[in-house]
Amino acid sequence: MDKMISIIVPVYNSAPFLKNCIASVLKQTYSNLELLLITDGSTDGSEELCRKFACKDHRIRFLPQTHKGVSAARNVGLEQAAGEYLFFLDSDDAIHPQLLERLMWLEEKTEAVIISENFLRIPSRHFEKKVSRLSVFAGRFGEGTYQYLDYQKALEYFISDCPQGRLYAIGGKLIRRMPARKIRFDEGLSSGEDTKYMYQLLSQEADVAVLNKKWYYYRKHRQSRSMERTIETCRSMYTCDKYILWQEKRKGREQYAKKWEEKMVRKIAAWHVAAHMGRNQSLLQYTCRLIKRELSCLAGGQMGWRTKLEYRLAFYCYPVYHLCYVISDFLNSIEKK
């Protein structure tokens, strides 16, 4: 008998995307699964949609709750999951029909705690059409189709923000239930909670295997929580980043701490630019306060050239930074076509 997988999907005001997300789960070639739809006080009809889907398929469990945030919703999933493995999926994303089968194949081969895959970012306006076309192609099982990372290498990838497996995010991760349940998502964070969770999991010496397939389909749209830039979301991500920084310093990993602190400076620079683009004066003031605080901890002479460049362009020459961003975004869109 195949081991059961519990797919945990927090749902908050994502009615336009739910059908595509749920359909991608129900089309999986791996059949021993349950789908947990944890609604978080949605006001756009998402709860009614989840209830209807649950009535049509016995594998779907509808778990409604009042609005407490995505961390609380995921924690309900951790508590209620019956499967031996947990898979995390965002309600506006989708997955390839063979993904769970391949991930379980990879788990049996490597016995890693975390099994992941690469992701493909798709603009919302093309999402359904492109996912439908991509789902037709499968590829073969076999050697050379994955990468194994022991916990030290996985932590190095996490700190250096290596795109392989996207270890800073929870979406698309298959995790053994017992290690996953030892940690809870921080309900005090509105953003960055999954980054903190993944860091804590990797810090418990969890190893990782990454399937070399772009089979997690990430929907890029303006309503996405990951795209939101407000004082609240930036403060939450900053709190998460500070936690990781101090943990690395406490453990004596100064090289990792320095890399993470430089990343924080570049992130604040990006928030500052987002504030310019959105004409958000309160966020501009907030990022100015943050950058002063971080530069007092990380002297300018200790910063790498990339960090110095991004920081100075963002805070002293915003038009040039914005032009570089537009060009980079355009080149990335061409590459993905």
C-alpha atoms as a PDB file:
ATOM      1  CA  MET A   1       0.000   0.000   0.000  1.00  0.00           C
ATOM      2  CA  ASP A   2       1.408   3.427  -0.987  1.00  0.00           C
ATOM      3  CA  LYS A   3       2.069   5.824   1.869  1.00  0.00           C
ATOM      4  CA  MET A   4      -0.489   8.604   2.221  1.00  0.00           C
ATOM      5  CA  ILE A   5       0.325  12.213   1.382  1.00  0.00           C
ATOM      6  CA  SER A   6      -1.608  15.062   2.999  1.00  0.00           C
ATOM      7  CA  ILE A   7      -1.686  18.154   0.773  1.00  0.00           C
ATOM      8  CA  ILE A   8      -2.067  21.271   2.921  1.00  0.00           C
ATOM      9  CA  VAL A   9      -3.642  24.270   1.163  1.00  0.00           C
ATOM     10  CA  PRO A  10      -4.402  27.449   3.162  1.00  0.00           C
ATOM     11  CA  VAL A  11      -7.197  29.382   1.458  1.00  0.00           C
ATOM     12  CA  TYR A  12      -7.863  33.103   1.851  1.00  0.00           C
ATOM     13  CA  ASN A  13      -9.842  35.057  -0.766  1.00  0.00           C
ATOM     14  CA  SER A  14      -8.506  33.016  -3.665  1.00  0.00           C
ATOM     15  CA  ALA A  15     -11.786  32.046  -5.363  1.00  0.00           C
ATOM     16  CA  PRO A  16     -10.592  32.894  -8.919  1.00  0.00           C
ATOM     17  CA  PHE A  17      -7.679  30.451  -8.626  1.00  0.00           C
ATOM     18  CA  LEU A  18      -9.052  27.607  -6.515  1.00  0.00           C
ATOM     19  CA  LYS A  19     -10.514  25.465  -9.288  1.00  0.00           C
ATOM     20  CA  ASN A  20      -7.195  25.242 -11.120  1.00  0.00           C
ATOM     21  CA  CYS A  21      -5.262  24.515  -7.912  1.00  0.00           C
ATOM     22  CA  ILE A  22      -7.621  21.747  -6.737  1.00  0.00           C
ATOM     23  CA  ALA A  23      -7.859  20.205 -10.204  1.00  0.00           C
ATOM     24  CA  SER A  24      -4.073  19.881 -10.362  1.00  0.00           C
ATOM     25  CA  VAL A  25      -4.159  17.862  -7.118  1.00  0.00           C
ATOM     26  CA  LEU A  26      -7.033  15.594  -8.143  1.00  0.00           C
ATOM     27  CA  LYS A  27      -5.260  14.796 -11.437  1.00  0.00           C
ATOM     28  CA  GLN A  28      -2.201  13.381  -9.639  1.00  0.00           C
ATOM     29  CA  THR A  29      -1.029   9.950 -10.772  1.00  0.00           C
ATOM     30  CA  TYR A  30      -0.258   9.223  -7.106  1.00  0.00           C
ATOM     31  CA  SER A  31      -3.687   8.312  -5.749  1.00  0.00           C
ATOM     32  CA  ASN A  32      -3.207   7.764  -1.997  1.00  0.00           C
ATOM     33  CA  LEU A  33      -3.668  11.344  -0.900  1.00  0.00           C
ATOM     34  CA  GLU A  34      -5.914  13.674   1.020  1.00  0.00           C
ATOM     35  CA  LEU A  35      -6.418  17.353   0.260  1.00  0.00           C
ATOM     36  CA  LEU A  36      -6.852  19.651   3.256  1.00  0.00           C
ATOM     37  CA  LEU A  37      -8.497  22.957   2.344  1.00  0.00           C
ATOM     38  CA  ILE A  38      -8.117  25.235   5.365  1.00  0.00           C
ATOM     39  CA  THR A  39     -10.128  28.399   4.791  1.00  0.00           C
ATOM     40  CA  ASP A  40      -9.047  31.456   6.759  1.00  0.00           C
ATOM     41  CA  GLY A  41     -12.200  33.550   7.059  1.00  0.00           C
ATOM     42  CA  SER A  42     -12.469  34.276   3.322  1.00  0.00           C
ATOM     43  CA  THR A  43     -15.065  36.813   2.181  1.00  0.00           C
ATOM     44  CA  ASP A  44     -15.028  36.185  -1.582  1.00  0.00           C
ATOM     45  CA  GLY A  45     -16.910  32.879  -1.796  1.00  0.00           C
ATOM     46  CA  SER A  46     -13.823  30.679  -1.354  1.00  0.00           C
ATOM     47  CA  GLU A  47     -15.403  28.805   1.565  1.00  0.00           C
ATOM     48  CA  GLU A  48     -18.468  27.834  -0.464  1.00  0.00           C
ATOM     49  CA  LEU A  49     -16.262  26.610  -3.306  1.00  0.00           C
ATOM     50  CA  CYS A  50     -14.214  24.483  -0.886  1.00  0.00           C
ATOM     51  CA  ARG A  51     -17.385  23.021   0.595  1.00  0.00           C
ATOM     52  CA  LYS A  52     -18.673  22.066  -2.863  1.00  0.00           C
ATOM     53  CA  PHE A  53     -15.388  20.416  -3.854  1.00  0.00           C
ATOM     54  CA  ALA A  54     -15.339  18.453  -0.576  1.00  0.00           C
ATOM     55  CA  CYS A  55     -18.822  17.112  -1.292  1.00  0.00           C
ATOM     56  CA  LYS A  56     -17.722  15.843  -4.712  1.00  0.00           C
ATOM     57  CA  ASP A  57     -14.551  13.984  -3.715  1.00  0.00           C
ATOM     58  CA  HIS A  58     -14.024  11.994  -0.501  1.00  0.00           C
ATOM     59  CA  ARG A  59     -10.295  12.768  -0.565  1.00  0.00           C
ATOM     60  CA  ILE A  60     -10.975  16.456   0.134  1.00  0.00           C
ATOM     61  CA  ARG A  61     -11.355  17.673   3.721  1.00  0.00           C
ATOM     62  CA  PHE A  62     -12.836  21.135   4.290  1.00  0.00           C
ATOM     63  CA  LEU A  63     -11.504  22.795   7.470  1.00  0.00           C
ATOM     64  CA  PRO A  64     -12.991  26.293   7.961  1.00  0.00           C
ATOM     65  CA  GLN A  65     -11.688  28.732  10.557  1.00  0.00           C
ATOM     66  CA  THR A  66     -11.996  32.422  11.397  1.00  0.00           C
ATOM     67  CA  HIS A  67      -9.383  34.777   9.963  1.00  0.00           C
ATOM     68  CA  LYS A  68      -6.158  34.131  11.872  1.00  0.00           C
ATOM     69  CA  GLY A  69      -3.580  34.274   9.096  1.00  0.00           C
ATOM     70  CA  VAL A  70      -1.769  31.815   6.869  1.00  0.00           C
ATOM     71  CA  SER A  71       0.475  30.515   9.667  1.00  0.00           C
ATOM     72  CA  ALA A  72      -2.523  29.515  11.788  1.00  0.00           C
ATOM     73  CA  ALA A  73      -4.116  27.831   8.749  1.00  0.00           C
ATOM     74  CA  ARG A  74      -0.977  25.810   8.033  1.00  0.00           C
ATOM     75  CA  ASN A  75      -0.703  24.858  11.710  1.00  0.00           C
ATOM     76  CA  VAL A  76      -4.246  23.457  11.535  1.00  0.00           C
ATOM     77  CA  GLY A  77      -3.074  21.413   8.550  1.00  0.00           C
ATOM     78  CA  LEU A  78      -0.095  20.109  10.547  1.00  0.00           C
ATOM     79  CA  GLU A  79      -2.408  19.013  13.350  1.00  0.00           C
ATOM     80  CA  GLN A  80      -5.138  17.490  11.196  1.00  0.00           C
ATOM     81  CA  ALA A  81      -3.048  15.734   8.537  1.00  0.00           C
ATOM     82  CA  ALA A  82      -3.416  11.941   8.499  1.00  0.00           C
ATOM     83  CA  GLY A  83      -0.724  11.253   5.914  1.00  0.00           C
ATOM     84  CA  GLU A  84       2.784  10.016   6.613  1.00  0.00           C
ATOM     85  CA  TYR A  85       4.030  12.811   4.364  1.00  0.00           C
ATOM     86  CA  LEU A  86       2.914  16.436   4.096  1.00  0.00           C
ATOM     87  CA  PHE A  87       2.939  18.472   0.904  1.00  0.00           C
ATOM     88  CA  PHE A  88       2.440  22.247   0.970  1.00  0.00           C
ATOM     89  CA  LEU A  89       0.659  24.018  -1.878  1.00  0.00           C
ATOM     90  CA  ASP A  90      -0.543  27.623  -2.147  1.00  0.00           C
ATOM     91  CA  SER A  91      -4.135  28.114  -3.279  1.00  0.00           C
ATOM     92  CA  ASP A  92      -3.205  30.246  -6.312  1.00  0.00           C
ATOM     93  CA  ASP A  93      -0.575  27.801  -7.613  1.00  0.00           C
ATOM     94  CA  ALA A  94      -0.732  24.392  -9.323  1.00  0.00           C
ATOM     95  CA  ILE A  95       1.400  21.266  -9.808  1.00  0.00           C
ATOM     96  CA  HIS A  96       2.226  18.838 -12.620  1.00  0.00           C
ATOM     97  CA  PRO A  97       0.058  15.653 -12.660  1.00  0.00           C
ATOM     98  CA  GLN A  98       3.077  13.407 -11.981  1.00  0.00           C
ATOM     99  CA  LEU A  99       4.750  15.554  -9.342  1.00  0.00           C
ATOM    100  CA  LEU A 100       3.696  13.666  -6.195  1.00  0.00           C
ATOM    101  CA  GLU A 101       4.507  10.294  -7.781  1.00  0.00           C
ATOM    102  CA  ARG A 102       7.987  11.514  -8.692  1.00  0.00           C
ATOM    103  CA  LEU A 103       8.571  13.061  -5.272  1.00  0.00           C
ATOM    104  CA  MET A 104       7.660   9.793  -3.542  1.00  0.00           C
ATOM    105  CA  TRP A 105       9.954   7.929  -5.927  1.00  0.00           C
ATOM    106  CA  LEU A 106      12.722  10.337  -4.935  1.00  0.00           C
ATOM    107  CA  GLU A 107      11.942   9.930  -1.224  1.00  0.00           C
ATOM    108  CA  GLU A 108      12.268   6.152  -1.493  1.00  0.00           C
ATOM    109  CA  LYS A 109      15.555   6.557  -3.350  1.00  0.00           C
ATOM    110  CA  THR A 110      17.203   9.083  -0.998  1.00  0.00           C
ATOM    111  CA  GLU A 111      15.185   8.869   2.259  1.00  0.00           C
ATOM    112  CA  ALA A 112      15.628  12.632   2.623  1.00  0.00           C
ATOM    113  CA  VAL A 113      13.467  14.535   5.120  1.00  0.00           C
ATOM    114  CA  ILE A 114      12.562  17.224   2.571  1.00  0.00           C
ATOM    115  CA  ILE A 115      11.810  16.466  -1.066  1.00  0.00           C
ATOM    116  CA  SER A 116      11.418  19.422  -3.392  1.00  0.00           C
ATOM    117  CA  GLU A 117      11.423  20.380  -7.054  1.00  0.00           C
ATOM    118  CA  ASN A 118      12.153  23.465  -9.095  1.00  0.00           C
ATOM    119  CA  PHE A 119       9.407  25.973  -9.811  1.00  0.00           C
ATOM    120  CA  LEU A 120       8.180  27.849 -12.832  1.00  0.00           C
ATOM    121  CA  ARG A 121       6.882  31.402 -12.467  1.00  0.00           C
ATOM    122  CA  ILE A 122       3.935  32.018 -14.801  1.00  0.00           C
ATOM    123  CA  PRO A 123       2.024  35.309 -15.247  1.00  0.00           C
ATOM    124  CA  SER A 124      -1.596  34.963 -14.159  1.00  0.00           C
ATOM    125  CA  ARG A 125      -3.039  35.920 -17.559  1.00  0.00           C
ATOM    126  CA  HIS A 126      -1.297  32.923 -19.191  1.00  0.00           C
ATOM    127  CA  PHE A 127      -1.490  30.548 -16.227  1.00  0.00           C
ATOM    128  CA  GLU A 128      -4.298  28.106 -17.116  1.00  0.00           C
ATOM    129  CA  LYS A 129      -3.275  27.792 -20.763  1.00  0.00           C
ATOM    130  CA  LYS A 130       0.415  27.259 -20.044  1.00  0.00           C
ATOM    131  CA  VAL A 131      -0.176  24.821 -17.155  1.00  0.00           C
ATOM    132  CA  SER A 132      -2.476  22.770 -19.375  1.00  0.00           C
ATOM    133  CA  ARG A 133       0.188  22.587 -22.083  1.00  0.00           C
ATOM    134  CA  LEU A 134       3.057  21.812 -19.687  1.00  0.00           C
ATOM    135  CA  SER A 135       1.111  19.076 -17.924  1.00  0.00           C
ATOM    136  CA  VAL A 136       1.076  16.969 -21.088  1.00  0.00           C
ATOM    137  CA  PHE A 137       4.830  16.414 -20.968  1.00  0.00           C
ATOM    138  CA  ALA A 138       6.270  14.018 -18.420  1.00  0.00           C
ATOM    139  CA  GLY A 139       9.835  12.876 -19.040  1.00  0.00           C
ATOM    140  CA  ARG A 140      11.416   9.662 -17.783  1.00  0.00           C
ATOM    141  CA  PHE A 141      12.419   8.347 -14.386  1.00  0.00           C
ATOM    142  CA  GLY A 142      16.082   7.559 -13.990  1.00  0.00           C
ATOM    143  CA  GLU A 143      19.476   8.519 -12.664  1.00  0.00           C
ATOM    144  CA  GLY A 144      20.696  12.077 -12.948  1.00  0.00           C
ATOM    145  CA  THR A 145      17.225  13.612 -12.537  1.00  0.00           C
ATOM    146  CA  TYR A 146      17.708  14.911  -8.992  1.00  0.00           C
ATOM    147  CA  GLN A 147      20.195  16.545  -6.643  1.00  0.00           C
ATOM    148  CA  TYR A 148      20.825  15.381  -3.066  1.00  0.00           C
ATOM    149  CA  LEU A 149      21.866  17.917  -0.402  1.00  0.00           C
ATOM    150  CA  ASP A 150      23.001  16.903   3.068  1.00  0.00           C
ATOM    151  CA  TYR A 151      21.830  19.301   5.782  1.00  0.00           C
ATOM    152  CA  GLN A 152      25.043  21.384   5.650  1.00  0.00           C
ATOM    153  CA  LYS A 153      24.812  21.867   1.878  1.00  0.00           C
ATOM    154  CA  ALA A 154      21.073  22.540   2.137  1.00  0.00           C
ATOM    155  CA  LEU A 155      21.671  25.252   4.738  1.00  0.00           C
ATOM    156  CA  GLU A 156      24.369  26.764   2.529  1.00  0.00           C
ATOM    157  CA  TYR A 157      21.893  26.846  -0.382  1.00  0.00           C
ATOM    158  CA  PHE A 158      19.292  28.448   1.875  1.00  0.00           C
ATOM    159  CA  ILE A 159      21.640  31.181   3.126  1.00  0.00           C
ATOM    160  CA  SER A 160      23.006  31.931  -0.347  1.00  0.00           C
ATOM    161  CA  ASP A 161      19.461  32.058  -1.794  1.00  0.00           C
ATOM    162  CA  CYS A 162      20.278  29.411  -4.399  1.00  0.00           C
ATOM    163  CA  PRO A 163      17.211  28.936  -6.625  1.00  0.00           C
ATOM    164  CA  GLN A 164      17.654  25.155  -6.675  1.00  0.00           C
ATOM    165  CA  GLY A 165      14.632  23.765  -4.857  1.00  0.00           C
ATOM    166  CA  ARG A 166      13.608  27.214  -3.602  1.00  0.00           C
ATOM    167  CA  LEU A 167      14.430  26.259  -0.026  1.00  0.00           C
ATOM    168  CA  TYR A 168      13.309  29.601   1.440  1.00  0.00           C
ATOM    169  CA  ALA A 169       9.634  28.867   0.596  1.00  0.00           C
ATOM    170  CA  ILE A 170       7.299  26.117   1.806  1.00  0.00           C
ATOM    171  CA  GLY A 171       5.339  25.742  -1.442  1.00  0.00           C
ATOM    172  CA  GLY A 172       6.131  22.474  -3.237  1.00  0.00           C
ATOM    173  CA  LYS A 173       7.842  20.784  -0.273  1.00  0.00           C
ATOM    174  CA  LEU A 174       7.129  17.147   0.595  1.00  0.00           C
ATOM    175  CA  ILE A 175       8.134  16.605   4.240  1.00  0.00           C
ATOM    176  CA  ARG A 176       7.930  13.630   6.561  1.00  0.00           C
ATOM    177  CA  ARG A 177       5.129  14.239   9.041  1.00  0.00           C
ATOM    178  CA  MET A 178       7.114  13.627  12.253  1.00  0.00           C
ATOM    179  CA  PRO A 179       9.912  16.200  11.605  1.00  0.00           C
ATOM    180  CA  ALA A 180       7.362  18.641  10.167  1.00  0.00           C
ATOM    181  CA  ARG A 181       5.206  18.495  13.295  1.00  0.00           C
ATOM    182  CA  LYS A 182       8.101  19.337  15.607  1.00  0.00           C
ATOM    183  CA  ILE A 183       7.946  22.917  14.327  1.00  0.00           C
ATOM    184  CA  ARG A 184       5.063  25.366  14.061  1.00  0.00           C
ATOM    185  CA  PHE A 185       4.610  28.295  11.713  1.00  0.00           C
ATOM    186  CA  ASP A 186       5.060  31.566  13.599  1.00  0.00           C
ATOM    187  CA  GLU A 187       1.559  33.032  13.910  1.00  0.00           C
ATOM    188  CA  GLY A 188       3.032  36.398  14.853  1.00  0.00           C
ATOM    189  CA  LEU A 189       4.381  36.834  11.314  1.00  0.00           C
ATOM    190  CA  SER A 190       2.223  37.932   8.382  1.00  0.00           C
ATOM    191  CA  SER A 191       5.026  37.378   5.841  1.00  0.00           C
ATOM    192  CA  GLY A 192       8.253  35.393   5.932  1.00  0.00           C
ATOM    193  CA  GLU A 193       6.705  32.724   8.161  1.00  0.00           C
ATOM    194  CA  ASP A 194       7.548  29.967   5.687  1.00  0.00           C
ATOM    195  CA  THR A 195      11.169  31.141   5.432  1.00  0.00           C
ATOM    196  CA  LYS A 196      11.500  30.935   9.214  1.00  0.00           C
ATOM    197  CA  TYR A 197       9.858  27.489   9.236  1.00  0.00           C
ATOM    198  CA  MET A 198      12.201  26.146   6.539  1.00  0.00           C
ATOM    199  CA  TYR A 199      15.225  27.570   8.336  1.00  0.00           C
ATOM    200  CA  GLN A 200      14.188  25.890  11.586  1.00  0.00           C
ATOM    201  CA  LEU A 201      13.637  22.598   9.782  1.00  0.00           C
ATOM    202  CA  LEU A 202      17.038  22.743   8.087  1.00  0.00           C
ATOM    203  CA  SER A 203      18.635  23.709  11.422  1.00  0.00           C
ATOM    204  CA  GLN A 204      17.397  20.375  12.794  1.00  0.00           C
ATOM    205  CA  GLU A 205      19.760  18.739  10.285  1.00  0.00           C
ATOM    206  CA  ALA A 206      17.095  17.890   7.706  1.00  0.00           C
ATOM    207  CA  ASP A 207      18.567  16.742   4.398  1.00  0.00           C
ATOM    208  CA  VAL A 208      17.020  17.612   1.027  1.00  0.00           C
ATOM    209  CA  ALA A 209      16.556  16.003  -2.375  1.00  0.00           C
ATOM    210  CA  VAL A 210      15.531  18.207  -5.304  1.00  0.00           C
ATOM    211  CA  LEU A 211      13.821  16.868  -8.420  1.00  0.00           C
ATOM    212  CA  ASN A 212      15.262  18.570 -11.488  1.00  0.00           C
ATOM    213  CA  LYS A 213      11.849  19.379 -12.934  1.00  0.00           C
ATOM    214  CA  LYS A 214      10.048  22.724 -12.979  1.00  0.00           C
ATOM    215  CA  TRP A 215       6.816  21.105 -11.912  1.00  0.00           C
ATOM    216  CA  TYR A 216       5.598  23.533  -9.268  1.00  0.00           C
ATOM    217  CA  TYR A 217       3.702  26.242 -11.106  1.00  0.00           C
ATOM    218  CA  TYR A 218       3.864  29.558  -9.278  1.00  0.00           C
ATOM    219  CA  ARG A 219       1.217  32.074 -10.332  1.00  0.00           C
ATOM    220  CA  LYS A 220       2.591  35.594 -10.628  1.00  0.00           C
ATOM    221  CA  HIS A 221      -0.097  38.204  -9.967  1.00  0.00           C
ATOM    222  CA  ARG A 222      -0.455  41.498  -8.129  1.00  0.00           C
ATOM    223  CA  GLN A 223      -2.744  40.070  -5.453  1.00  0.00           C
ATOM    224  CA  SER A 224      -0.103  37.513  -4.434  1.00  0.00           C
ATOM    225  CA  ARG A 225       0.928  37.816  -0.795  1.00  0.00           C
ATOM    226  CA  SER A 226       4.575  37.408  -1.801  1.00  0.00           C
ATOM    227  CA  MET A 227       4.283  40.503  -4.026  1.00  0.00           C
ATOM    228  CA  GLU A 228       2.729  42.697  -1.328  1.00  0.00           C
ATOM    229  CA  ARG A 229       4.896  45.505   0.056  1.00  0.00           C
ATOM    230  CA  THR A 230       3.460  47.335   3.042  1.00  0.00           C
ATOM    231  CA  ILE A 231       5.024  48.364   6.329  1.00  0.00           C
ATOM    232  CA  GLU A 232       3.336  45.362   7.953  1.00  0.00           C
ATOM    233  CA  THR A 233       4.690  42.803   5.463  1.00  0.00           C
ATOM    234  CA  CYS A 234       8.170  44.359   5.401  1.00  0.00           C
ATOM    235  CA  ARG A 235       8.312  44.518   9.196  1.00  0.00           C
ATOM    236  CA  SER A 236       7.302  40.857   9.360  1.00  0.00           C
ATOM    237  CA  MET A 237       9.941  39.767   6.834  1.00  0.00           C
ATOM    238  CA  TYR A 238      12.529  41.901   8.637  1.00  0.00           C
ATOM    239  CA  THR A 239      11.652  40.204  11.944  1.00  0.00           C
ATOM    240  CA  CYS A 240      12.121  36.803  10.282  1.00  0.00           C
ATOM    241  CA  ASP A 241      15.452  37.854   8.769  1.00  0.00           C
ATOM    242  CA  LYS A 242      16.710  39.183  12.107  1.00  0.00           C
ATOM    243  CA  TYR A 243      15.817  35.888  13.773  1.00  0.00           C
ATOM    244  CA  ILE A 244      17.865  33.935  11.220  1.00  0.00           C
ATOM    245  CA  LEU A 245      20.770  36.398  11.457  1.00  0.00           C
ATOM    246  CA  TRP A 246      21.030  36.140  15.231  1.00  0.00           C
ATOM    247  CA  GLN A 247      20.692  32.351  15.135  1.00  0.00           C
ATOM    248  CA  GLU A 248      23.628  32.137  12.726  1.00  0.00           C
ATOM    249  CA  LYS A 249      25.686  34.482  14.902  1.00  0.00           C
ATOM    250  CA  ARG A 250      24.769  32.525  18.036  1.00  0.00           C
ATOM    251  CA  LYS A 251      25.935  29.303  16.370  1.00  0.00           C
ATOM    252  CA  GLY A 252      29.240  30.910  15.400  1.00  0.00           C
ATOM    253  CA  ARG A 253      28.657  30.729  11.650  1.00  0.00           C
ATOM    254  CA  GLU A 254      29.977  34.229  10.963  1.00  0.00           C
ATOM    255  CA  GLN A 255      30.352  33.681   7.212  1.00  0.00           C
ATOM    256  CA  TYR A 256      26.687  32.720   6.888  1.00  0.00           C
ATOM    257  CA  ALA A 257      25.681  35.601   9.152  1.00  0.00           C
ATOM    258  CA  LYS A 258      27.553  38.078   6.945  1.00  0.00           C
ATOM    259  CA  LYS A 259      25.931  36.685   3.787  1.00  0.00           C
ATOM    260  CA  TRP A 260      22.498  36.909   5.379  1.00  0.00           C
ATOM    261  CA  GLU A 261      23.057  40.473   6.593  1.00  0.00           C
ATOM    262  CA  GLU A 262      24.131  41.578   3.127  1.00  0.00           C
ATOM    263  CA  LYS A 263      20.993  39.960   1.750  1.00  0.00           C
ATOM    264  CA  MET A 264      18.957  41.960   4.270  1.00  0.00           C
ATOM    265  CA  VAL A 265      20.520  45.213   3.020  1.00  0.00           C
ATOM    266  CA  ARG A 266      19.678  44.327  -0.603  1.00  0.00           C
ATOM    267  CA  LYS A 267      16.140  43.381   0.438  1.00  0.00           C
ATOM    268  CA  ILE A 268      15.609  46.720   2.213  1.00  0.00           C
ATOM    269  CA  ALA A 269      16.896  48.468  -0.911  1.00  0.00           C
ATOM    270  CA  ALA A 270      14.287  46.612  -2.991  1.00  0.00           C
ATOM    271  CA  TRP A 271      11.540  47.602  -0.517  1.00  0.00           C
ATOM    272  CA  HIS A 272      12.682  51.229  -0.762  1.00  0.00           C
ATOM    273  CA  VAL A 273      12.343  51.099  -4.541  1.00  0.00           C
ATOM    274  CA  ALA A 274       8.895  49.470  -4.231  1.00  0.00           C
ATOM    275  CA  ALA A 275       7.899  52.363  -1.946  1.00  0.00           C
ATOM    276  CA  HIS A 276       9.073  54.829  -4.609  1.00  0.00           C
ATOM    277  CA  MET A 277       7.112  53.030  -7.310  1.00  0.00           C
ATOM    278  CA  GLY A 278       3.972  52.943  -5.145  1.00  0.00           C
ATOM    279  CA  ARG A 279       4.511  56.491  -3.831  1.00  0.00           C
ATOM    280  CA  ASN A 280       4.224  55.101  -0.325  1.00  0.00           C
ATOM    281  CA  GLN A 281       5.722  57.785   1.899  1.00  0.00           C
ATOM    282  CA  SER A 282       5.320  55.859   5.148  1.00  0.00           C
ATOM    283  CA  LEU A 283       7.159  52.857   3.666  1.00  0.00           C
ATOM    284  CA  LEU A 284       9.893  55.152   2.331  1.00  0.00           C
ATOM    285  CA  GLN A 285      10.445  56.532   5.815  1.00  0.00           C
ATOM    286  CA  TYR A 286      10.388  53.057   7.319  1.00  0.00           C
ATOM    287  CA  THR A 287      13.013  51.694   4.896  1.00  0.00           C
ATOM    288  CA  CYS A 288      15.242  54.697   5.558  1.00  0.00           C
ATOM    289  CA  ARG A 289      15.134  53.914   9.282  1.00  0.00           C
ATOM    290  CA  LEU A 290      15.842  50.235   8.606  1.00  0.00           C
ATOM    291  CA  ILE A 291      18.833  50.888   6.360  1.00  0.00           C
ATOM    292  CA  LYS A 292      20.434  53.188   8.947  1.00  0.00           C
ATOM    293  CA  ARG A 293      20.003  50.488  11.572  1.00  0.00           C
ATOM    294  CA  GLU A 294      21.555  47.790   9.373  1.00  0.00           C
ATOM    295  CA  LEU A 295      24.438  49.919   8.124  1.00  0.00           C
ATOM    296  CA  SER A 296      25.367  50.677  11.730  1.00  0.00           C
ATOM    297  CA  CYS A 297      25.749  46.904  12.210  1.00  0.00           C
ATOM    298  CA  LEU A 298      27.351  46.158   8.858  1.00  0.00           C
ATOM    299  CA  ALA A 299      29.989  48.781   8.031  1.00  0.00           C
ATOM    300  CA  GLY A 300      30.063  49.894   4.407  1.00  0.00           C
ATOM    301  CA  GLY A 301      33.595  48.615   3.970  1.00  0.00           C
ATOM    302  CA  GLN A 302      32.441  45.096   4.802  1.00  0.00           C
ATOM    303  CA  MET A 303      29.794  44.992   2.090  1.00  0.00           C
ATOM    304  CA  GLY A 304      30.365  43.212  -1.195  1.00  0.00           C
ATOM    305  CA  TRP A 305      30.241  45.201  -4.419  1.00  0.00           C
ATOM    306  CA  ARG A 306      26.755  43.979  -5.345  1.00  0.00           C
ATOM    307  CA  THR A 307      25.305  45.033  -1.995  1.00  0.00           C
ATOM    308  CA  LYS A 308      27.000  48.441  -2.154  1.00  0.00           C
ATOM    309  CA  LEU A 309      25.728  49.014  -5.689  1.00  0.00           C
ATOM    310  CA  GLU A 310      22.112  48.032  -4.973  1.00  0.00           C
ATOM    311  CA  TYR A 311      21.993  50.019  -1.743  1.00  0.00           C
ATOM    312  CA  ARG A 312      23.454  53.204  -3.257  1.00  0.00           C
ATOM    313  CA  LEU A 313      21.350  53.065  -6.417  1.00  0.00           C
ATOM    314  CA  ALA A 314      18.152  52.431  -4.464  1.00  0.00           C
ATOM    315  CA  PHE A 315      18.649  55.197  -1.907  1.00  0.00           C
ATOM    316  CA  TYR A 316      20.588  57.790  -3.922  1.00  0.00           C
ATOM    317  CA  CYS A 317      19.834  57.114  -7.593  1.00  0.00           C
ATOM    318  CA  TYR A 318      16.404  55.513  -7.745  1.00  0.00           C
ATOM    319  CA  PRO A 319      15.758  56.160 -11.518  1.00  0.00           C
ATOM    320  CA  VAL A 320      18.851  54.111 -12.476  1.00  0.00           C
ATOM    321  CA  TYR A 321      17.855  51.276 -10.124  1.00  0.00           C
ATOM    322  CA  HIS A 322      14.350  51.287 -11.585  1.00  0.00           C
ATOM    323  CA  LEU A 323      15.700  51.201 -15.151  1.00  0.00           C
ATOM    324  CA  CYS A 324      17.941  48.221 -14.301  1.00  0.00           C
ATOM    325  CA  TYR A 325      14.938  46.457 -12.740  1.00  0.00           C
ATOM    326  CA  VAL A 326      12.780  47.010 -15.829  1.00  0.00           C
ATOM    327  CA  ILE A 327      15.521  45.730 -18.159  1.00  0.00           C
ATOM    328  CA  SER A 328      16.149  42.665 -15.960  1.00  0.00           C
ATOM    329  CA  ASP A 329      12.427  41.876 -15.765  1.00  0.00           C
ATOM    330  CA  PHE A 330      12.115  42.194 -19.562  1.00  0.00           C
ATOM    331  CA  LEU A 331      15.076  39.876 -20.202  1.00  0.00           C
ATOM    332  CA  ASN A 332      13.694  37.309 -17.741  1.00  0.00           C
ATOM    333  CA  SER A 333      10.299  37.361 -19.505  1.00  0.00           C
ATOM    334  CA  ILE A 334      11.990  36.708 -22.857  1.00  0.00           C
ATOM    335  CA  GLU A 335      14.035  33.844 -21.420  1.00  0.00           C
ATOM    336  CA  LYS A 336      10.906  32.131 -20.041  1.00  0.00           C
ATOM    337  CA  LYS A 337       8.959  32.252 -23.304  1.00  0.00           C
END
